[in-house]
Amino acid sequence: MVKQFEYRGVPLEALQGMSLEKLFLLFSSRQRRSLTRGITDGKRKLIEEIKLAKAGKLKTPIKTHLRDLIVLPYMVGVTVNTFSGKDFVPVTIIPEMIGHYLGEYVMTNKRVSHGAPGVGASRSSLYVPLK
């Protein structure tokens, strides 16, 4: 039997039909504060693009630099290419992401693996023979 997704006891279908005011009450205080302070023009444009992509009217991939966008229930199923600081990383929104920020799913740094030091890297390496 497949487990049904619920966000704080509310199923996904009910979340998608819920008004924003009732939805805000389910979010944590940080998300509530961010959403009640208003949605900027850039976020509003991105939300409209997501709605078009969900309806199937948008052919190009959605690219954004807005890592502070909170994932809302109607965004589930859409792939958004989010900027990592170097390139755009595709993020497919799943129900478990509701209430989190979009930037949480795109890493901005990668693991550093240091190689062997080259000639001139330190004072002692000046005296190491090359062959």
Protein backbone atom coordinates (compact mmCIF):
# COMPACT_ATOMS: atom_id res chain seq x y z
CA MET A 1 0.00 0.00 0.00
CA VAL A 2 1.37 3.42 -1.00
CA LYS A 3 1.67 5.94 1.79
CA GLN A 4 -0.45 9.06 1.20
CA PHE A 5 1.46 12.34 1.54
CA GLU A 6 0.25 14.70 4.23
CA TYR A 7 1.64 18.10 5.22
CA ARG A 8 1.01 18.54 8.94
CA GLY A 9 -1.99 16.23 8.79
CA VAL A 10 -3.56 17.73 5.65
CA PRO A 11 -3.54 15.67 2.40
CA LEU A 12 -2.06 17.13 -0.80
CA GLU A 13 -5.44 17.46 -2.57
CA ALA A 14 -6.81 19.53 0.31
CA LEU A 15 -3.65 21.68 0.34
CA GLN A 16 -3.99 22.48 -3.35
CA GLY A 17 -7.59 23.63 -2.89
CA MET A 18 -6.89 25.60 0.30
CA SER A 19 -6.83 29.41 0.36
CA LEU A 20 -3.51 31.12 1.02
CA GLU A 21 -4.63 32.49 4.40
CA LYS A 22 -5.43 28.99 5.71
CA LEU A 23 -2.24 27.64 4.15
CA PHE A 24 -0.15 30.30 5.91
CA LEU A 25 -1.39 29.01 9.26
CA LEU A 26 0.15 25.59 8.52
CA PHE A 27 3.59 26.99 7.71
CA SER A 28 6.27 27.71 10.30
CA SER A 29 6.78 31.27 11.51
CA ARG A 30 9.71 32.04 9.17
CA GLN A 31 7.68 31.09 6.07
CA ARG A 32 4.58 32.89 7.36
CA ARG A 33 6.56 36.06 7.92
CA SER A 34 8.13 35.89 4.48
CA LEU A 35 4.81 35.35 2.71
CA THR A 36 2.78 37.90 4.67
CA ARG A 37 5.36 40.63 4.00
CA GLY A 38 4.39 40.43 0.35
CA ILE A 39 5.51 38.87 -2.89
CA THR A 40 7.97 40.86 -5.00
CA ASP A 41 7.55 41.39 -8.74
CA GLY A 42 10.23 38.83 -9.58
CA LYS A 43 8.56 36.16 -7.47
CA ARG A 44 5.17 37.04 -8.95
CA LYS A 45 6.54 36.54 -12.49
CA LEU A 46 8.08 33.20 -11.50
CA ILE A 47 4.80 32.04 -9.94
CA GLU A 48 2.96 32.93 -13.17
CA GLU A 49 5.54 30.95 -15.19
CA ILE A 50 5.07 27.96 -12.89
CA LYS A 51 1.30 28.15 -13.36
CA LEU A 52 1.75 28.22 -17.15
CA ALA A 53 4.16 25.27 -17.02
CA LYS A 54 1.72 23.32 -14.84
CA ALA A 55 -1.03 23.95 -17.41
CA GLY A 56 1.31 22.78 -20.20
CA LYS A 57 1.36 26.12 -22.04
CA LEU A 58 5.06 26.85 -21.48
CA LYS A 59 7.56 25.08 -23.75
CA THR A 60 10.84 26.56 -22.48
CA PRO A 61 12.36 25.45 -19.16
CA ILE A 62 11.87 27.76 -16.19
CA LYS A 63 15.16 29.36 -15.09
CA THR A 64 15.46 31.44 -11.94
CA HIS A 65 17.91 33.07 -9.58
CA LEU A 66 15.25 33.29 -6.84
CA ARG A 67 16.49 30.78 -4.27
CA ASP A 68 14.31 32.28 -1.52
CA LEU A 69 11.00 31.27 -3.09
CA ILE A 70 8.90 29.13 -0.75
CA VAL A 71 7.47 26.01 -2.39
CA LEU A 72 3.66 26.12 -2.37
CA PRO A 73 1.32 23.14 -3.00
CA TYR A 74 0.32 24.12 -6.54
CA MET A 75 3.98 24.01 -7.67
CA VAL A 76 4.21 20.23 -7.20
CA GLY A 77 5.26 18.41 -10.37
CA VAL A 78 7.04 21.32 -12.07
CA THR A 79 10.77 21.35 -12.85
CA VAL A 80 12.52 24.65 -12.10
CA ASN A 81 16.14 25.31 -13.07
CA THR A 82 17.64 27.12 -10.07
CA PHE A 83 20.94 29.01 -10.22
CA SER A 84 23.70 27.56 -8.04
CA GLY A 85 26.15 30.43 -8.51
CA LYS A 86 27.77 28.79 -11.53
CA ASP A 87 25.04 27.07 -13.54
CA PHE A 88 21.35 26.21 -13.47
CA VAL A 89 20.47 22.96 -11.67
CA PRO A 90 17.09 21.34 -12.45
CA VAL A 91 14.88 20.80 -9.40
CA THR A 92 11.68 18.76 -9.78
CA ILE A 93 9.29 19.85 -7.06
CA ILE A 94 7.79 16.97 -5.06
CA PRO A 95 5.20 17.15 -2.26
CA GLU A 96 7.84 16.75 0.48
CA MET A 97 9.34 20.13 -0.54
CA ILE A 98 6.23 22.13 0.45
CA GLY A 99 7.10 24.87 2.93
CA HIS A 100 10.84 24.79 2.17
CA TYR A 101 12.89 27.25 0.16
CA LEU A 102 13.82 26.45 -3.45
CA GLY A 103 17.51 27.13 -2.76
CA GLU A 104 17.68 24.36 -0.15
CA TYR A 105 17.79 21.78 -2.94
CA VAL A 106 20.63 23.30 -4.96
CA MET A 107 24.14 23.14 -3.53
CA THR A 108 26.22 26.28 -4.01
CA ASN A 109 29.58 24.72 -3.27
CA LYS A 110 31.19 21.40 -4.02
CA ARG A 111 33.70 19.22 -2.24
CA VAL A 112 37.31 20.35 -2.49
CA SER A 113 39.90 17.72 -3.37
CA HIS A 114 43.42 19.09 -3.19
CA GLY A 115 46.05 17.71 -5.51
CA ALA A 116 49.79 17.45 -5.02
CA PRO A 117 51.59 20.79 -4.64
CA GLY A 118 53.36 22.10 -7.71
CA VAL A 119 56.76 23.66 -8.09
CA GLY A 120 56.85 27.00 -6.28
CA ALA A 121 53.93 26.16 -4.03
CA SER A 122 56.11 26.43 -0.93
CA ARG A 123 59.67 27.43 -0.05
CA SER A 124 60.86 23.84 0.22
CA SER A 125 59.53 22.86 -3.20
CA LEU A 126 62.10 25.14 -4.86
CA TYR A 127 64.81 22.58 -4.13
CA VAL A 128 62.95 19.49 -5.32
CA PRO A 129 64.40 18.17 -8.58
CA LEU A 130 61.93 18.04 -11.46
CA LYS A 131 63.21 14.68 -12.79
